[in-house]
Protein backbone atom coordinates (compact mmCIF):
# COMPACT_ATOMS: atom_id res chain seq x y z
CA UNK A 1 6.31 11.87 5.66
CA UNK A 2 8.19 14.21 3.72
CA UNK A 3 6.85 16.18 0.69
CA UNK A 4 8.16 16.04 -2.03
CA UNK A 5 7.63 19.63 -3.76
CA UNK A 6 6.91 20.15 -7.46
CA UNK A 7 8.64 23.18 -9.37
CA UNK A 8 7.68 25.70 -11.85
CA UNK A 9 10.42 28.36 -13.33
CA UNK A 10 8.62 31.11 -15.50
CA UNK A 11 10.83 33.14 -17.72
CA UNK A 12 8.97 36.48 -18.79
CA UNK A 13 10.19 38.16 -21.66
CA UNK A 14 11.66 41.36 -20.83
CA UNK A 15 9.27 44.27 -23.04
CA UNK A 16 6.49 41.19 -21.72
CA UNK A 17 7.45 41.83 -18.34
CA UNK A 18 6.80 45.67 -18.60
CA UNK A 19 3.15 45.54 -20.16
CA UNK A 20 1.58 43.06 -17.68
CA UNK A 21 2.79 45.39 -14.62
CA UNK A 22 1.85 48.36 -17.05
CA UNK A 23 -1.12 46.68 -17.71
CA UNK A 24 -1.32 46.10 -13.15
CA UNK A 25 -1.62 42.65 -13.63
CA UNK A 26 -0.95 39.42 -11.77
CA UNK A 27 0.84 36.36 -11.98
CA UNK A 28 -1.67 32.84 -11.12
CA UNK A 29 -0.82 29.64 -11.01
CA UNK A 30 -4.10 26.69 -10.48
CA UNK A 31 -3.73 23.00 -10.66
CA UNK A 32 -6.02 20.75 -12.51
CA UNK A 33 -8.15 18.96 -10.41
CA UNK A 34 -10.70 16.44 -11.05
CA UNK A 35 -9.87 17.57 -14.86
CA UNK A 36 -10.67 21.22 -14.01
CA UNK A 37 -8.39 24.33 -13.08
CA UNK A 38 -11.07 25.85 -10.76
CA UNK A 39 -8.95 27.47 -7.61
CA UNK A 40 -5.70 30.03 -7.38
CA UNK A 41 -3.38 27.81 -5.85
CA UNK A 42 -0.67 30.88 -5.67
CA UNK A 43 -0.16 33.73 -7.16
CA UNK A 44 2.38 36.99 -7.14
CA UNK A 45 0.68 40.38 -7.41
CA UNK A 46 1.73 43.26 -9.99
CA UNK A 47 2.92 45.79 -6.73
CA UNK A 48 5.04 44.34 -3.93
CA UNK A 49 3.92 44.99 -0.40
CA UNK A 50 5.32 43.91 2.92
CA UNK A 51 3.97 41.05 3.33
CA UNK A 52 4.11 39.84 -0.67
CA UNK A 53 6.67 39.80 -3.33
CA UNK A 54 5.63 40.35 -6.76
CA UNK A 55 6.50 38.55 -9.83
CA UNK A 56 9.35 39.25 -11.48
CA UNK A 57 11.29 38.73 -15.26
CA UNK A 58 11.86 34.79 -13.93
CA UNK A 59 10.20 33.39 -11.39
CA UNK A 60 9.46 29.78 -9.41
CA UNK A 61 6.34 28.26 -8.14
CA UNK A 62 6.89 25.42 -5.80
CA UNK A 63 3.87 22.99 -5.06
CA UNK A 64 4.74 20.66 -2.53
CA UNK A 65 3.43 16.87 -4.24
CA UNK A 66 0.95 14.38 -1.75
CA UNK A 67 1.84 11.25 -0.01
CA UNK A 68 -0.63 8.74 -1.76
CA UNK A 69 -2.03 4.66 -0.41
CA UNK A 70 -0.86 2.13 -2.58
CA UNK A 71 -3.16 -1.00 -3.26
CA UNK A 72 -4.12 -4.35 -4.67
CA UNK A 73 -7.20 -5.89 -5.96
CA UNK A 74 -7.84 -8.75 -7.15
CA UNK A 75 -11.89 -8.77 -8.05
CA UNK A 76 -11.99 -5.30 -10.79
CA UNK A 77 -15.23 -3.30 -10.34
CA UNK A 78 -18.45 -4.45 -13.01
CA UNK A 79 -19.63 -1.93 -15.04
CA UNK A 80 -18.12 1.64 -15.31
CA UNK A 81 -17.60 1.75 -11.13
CA UNK A 82 -14.40 2.00 -9.71
CA UNK A 83 -16.02 1.21 -6.03
CA UNK A 84 -13.01 -1.25 -5.44
CA UNK A 85 -13.38 -4.04 -2.19
CA UNK A 86 -9.65 -4.43 -2.17
CA UNK A 87 -7.49 -7.28 -0.99
CA UNK A 88 -4.64 -5.93 1.10
CA UNK A 89 -3.79 -3.13 3.65
CA UNK A 90 -3.35 0.26 2.16
CA UNK A 91 -0.04 1.70 2.69
CA UNK A 92 0.40 5.49 2.36
CA UNK A 93 4.28 6.71 0.83
CA UNK A 94 5.10 9.46 -2.21
CA UNK A 95 7.09 10.14 -5.02
CA UNK A 96 10.33 8.31 -5.46
CA UNK A 97 9.87 5.64 -2.89
CA UNK A 98 9.92 1.98 -3.25
CA UNK A 99 8.15 0.09 -1.75
CA UNK A 100 8.71 -4.79 -1.90
CA UNK A 101 4.70 -6.64 -1.63
CA UNK A 102 5.28 -10.18 -0.26
CA UNK A 103 4.07 -13.08 -1.49
CA UNK A 104 1.71 -13.28 1.51
CA UNK A 105 0.24 -10.05 0.11
CA UNK A 106 1.23 -7.55 2.62
CA UNK A 107 3.59 -4.61 1.96
CA UNK A 108 6.38 -3.30 3.66
CA UNK A 109 7.69 -0.02 4.98
CA UNK A 110 7.96 2.08 2.41
CA UNK A 111 11.95 3.92 1.38
CA UNK A 112 13.77 5.27 -0.69
CA UNK A 113 15.62 4.76 -3.75
CA UNK A 114 12.52 4.59 -6.39
CA UNK A 115 12.04 6.32 -9.80
CA UNK A 116 11.99 9.89 -9.93
CA UNK A 117 8.32 11.14 -9.94
CA UNK A 118 6.61 7.84 -9.22
CA UNK A 119 6.02 5.15 -6.86
CA UNK A 120 7.55 1.68 -6.98
CA UNK A 121 6.16 -1.54 -6.02
CA UNK A 122 8.29 -4.31 -5.89
CA UNK A 123 5.83 -7.55 -6.36
CA UNK A 124 6.48 -10.82 -5.30
CA UNK A 125 2.60 -11.78 -5.15
CA UNK A 126 1.40 -14.06 -7.74
CA UNK A 127 -1.59 -13.94 -9.98
CA UNK A 128 -1.46 -10.84 -11.33
CA UNK A 129 -2.87 -8.65 -8.58
CA UNK A 130 -4.06 -4.76 -10.29
CA UNK A 131 -2.26 -2.01 -8.80
CA UNK A 132 -4.80 0.93 -7.47
CA UNK A 133 -2.50 4.60 -6.47
CA UNK A 134 -5.31 6.26 -4.00
CA UNK A 135 -5.25 10.02 -2.71
CA UNK A 136 -4.78 9.63 1.50
CA UNK A 137 -8.45 9.84 2.01
CA UNK A 138 -8.43 6.48 0.07
CA UNK A 139 -10.29 7.86 -3.38
CA UNK A 140 -8.80 5.87 -6.39
CA UNK A 141 -6.59 7.44 -9.09
CA UNK A 142 -5.79 5.15 -11.42
CA UNK A 143 -6.45 0.67 -11.43
CA UNK A 144 -4.73 -0.86 -13.32
CA UNK A 145 -7.54 -2.57 -14.89
CA UNK A 146 -6.59 -4.33 -17.81
CA UNK A 147 -2.76 -6.60 -16.61
CA UNK A 148 -2.19 -6.38 -13.21
CA UNK A 149 1.52 -6.90 -11.57
CA UNK A 150 3.67 -9.05 -13.24
CA UNK A 151 6.23 -10.35 -10.24
CA UNK A 152 8.84 -8.05 -10.06
CA UNK A 153 8.89 -4.36 -10.62
CA UNK A 154 5.53 -2.29 -11.21
CA UNK A 155 5.78 1.58 -11.57
CA UNK A 156 2.78 3.94 -11.05
CA UNK A 157 3.03 7.52 -12.08
CA UNK A 158 0.82 10.35 -11.43
CA UNK A 159 0.49 13.08 -13.57
CA UNK A 160 0.04 16.34 -12.54
CA UNK A 161 -1.01 19.62 -14.70
CA UNK A 162 -0.55 23.28 -13.74
CA UNK A 163 -2.03 26.34 -15.77
CA UNK A 164 -0.34 29.82 -15.61
CA UNK A 165 -1.59 33.01 -16.69
CA UNK A 166 -1.52 36.53 -15.97
CA UNK A 167 -5.10 38.73 -15.09
CA UNK A 168 -6.58 40.67 -12.60
CA UNK A 169 -5.90 40.89 -9.01
CA UNK A 170 -7.25 37.92 -7.33
CA UNK A 171 -6.47 36.17 -4.24
CA UNK A 172 -5.00 32.86 -3.84
CA UNK A 173 -7.38 29.85 -2.58
CA UNK A 174 -10.49 32.15 -4.31
CA UNK A 175 -12.55 30.74 -7.92
CA UNK A 176 -11.10 31.65 -11.18
CA UNK A 177 -13.27 34.34 -11.65
CA UNK A 178 -13.53 33.29 -15.92
CA UNK A 179 -11.45 31.99 -18.43
CA UNK A 180 -7.70 34.12 -18.93
CA UNK A 181 -7.43 34.38 -23.13
CA UNK A 182 -3.89 33.44 -22.79
CA UNK A 183 -2.74 30.32 -20.64
CA UNK A 184 0.15 28.22 -19.62
CA UNK A 185 0.06 24.61 -19.23
CA UNK A 186 3.11 22.81 -17.05
CA UNK A 187 2.87 18.54 -16.64
CA UNK A 188 4.63 16.57 -14.87
CA UNK A 189 4.48 12.98 -15.55
CA UNK A 190 7.27 11.80 -13.39
CA UNK A 191 10.15 12.23 -16.05
CA UNK A 192 11.22 15.53 -14.29
CA UNK A 193 9.82 18.13 -11.19
CA UNK A 194 11.06 20.92 -12.69
CA UNK A 195 10.20 22.19 -15.98
CA UNK A 196 10.54 25.26 -17.65
CA UNK A 197 8.58 27.74 -19.47
CA UNK A 198 8.03 31.52 -20.54
CA UNK A 199 6.15 34.56 -21.81
CA UNK A 200 8.30 35.22 -25.17
CA UNK A 201 7.97 38.29 -26.82
CA UNK A 202 4.96 37.80 -28.93
CA UNK A 203 2.51 37.50 -25.52
CA UNK A 204 2.56 33.86 -25.67
CA UNK A 205 3.17 30.82 -23.80
CA UNK A 206 6.74 28.54 -24.33
CA UNK A 207 7.41 24.96 -22.41
CA UNK A 208 11.38 26.23 -22.85
CA UNK A 209 13.56 28.83 -21.58
CA UNK A 210 13.86 32.07 -23.33
CA UNK A 211 16.51 32.11 -26.58
CA UNK A 212 19.17 33.39 -25.43
CA UNK A 213 20.22 36.67 -26.77
CA UNK A 214 22.98 36.60 -28.74
CA UNK A 215 26.09 38.85 -27.44
């Protein structure tokens, strides 16, 4: 199953760009996992090498979004636990896809045509089953504990957050060594698969493109 990508466009003020290069700072990206930023996902060094380019005043990070397991239950867990004995057979699908759940409680095959950045369930099963979104290892990410699904369309939208910052050189895949003094954060909430963040002349991260200079 093909994966989609979330794209982060980075714009750096030209004077700040020169200053970060002079400091020999790299540009880093991390994804929030289990509520924390712990591991560097991608990095671009201050100096280009034969095997790895550096960052420029305009950069793009592209991160593949994972597939998910979709299921349902008619019996919610008691207490604060999230251990669930689901009544359906889960189906694996990606963002922007849709899947039918028939009145016998059986999922069909996922197909395209869903809402951007979301997973859509076309529900025909009565009794307001509670939808479950899990990772591909079956660990629940979201459980609808409130009302369950009505007959019709139910939309599940995973929220992804990324942190971006300048700092001393570190390798991709290593633990973040310390808390950076200035970080930007980009959130994908299903409304778009492309977001822009900029580092302004004042040395601040802003979730918008840099202002266009007047002629």
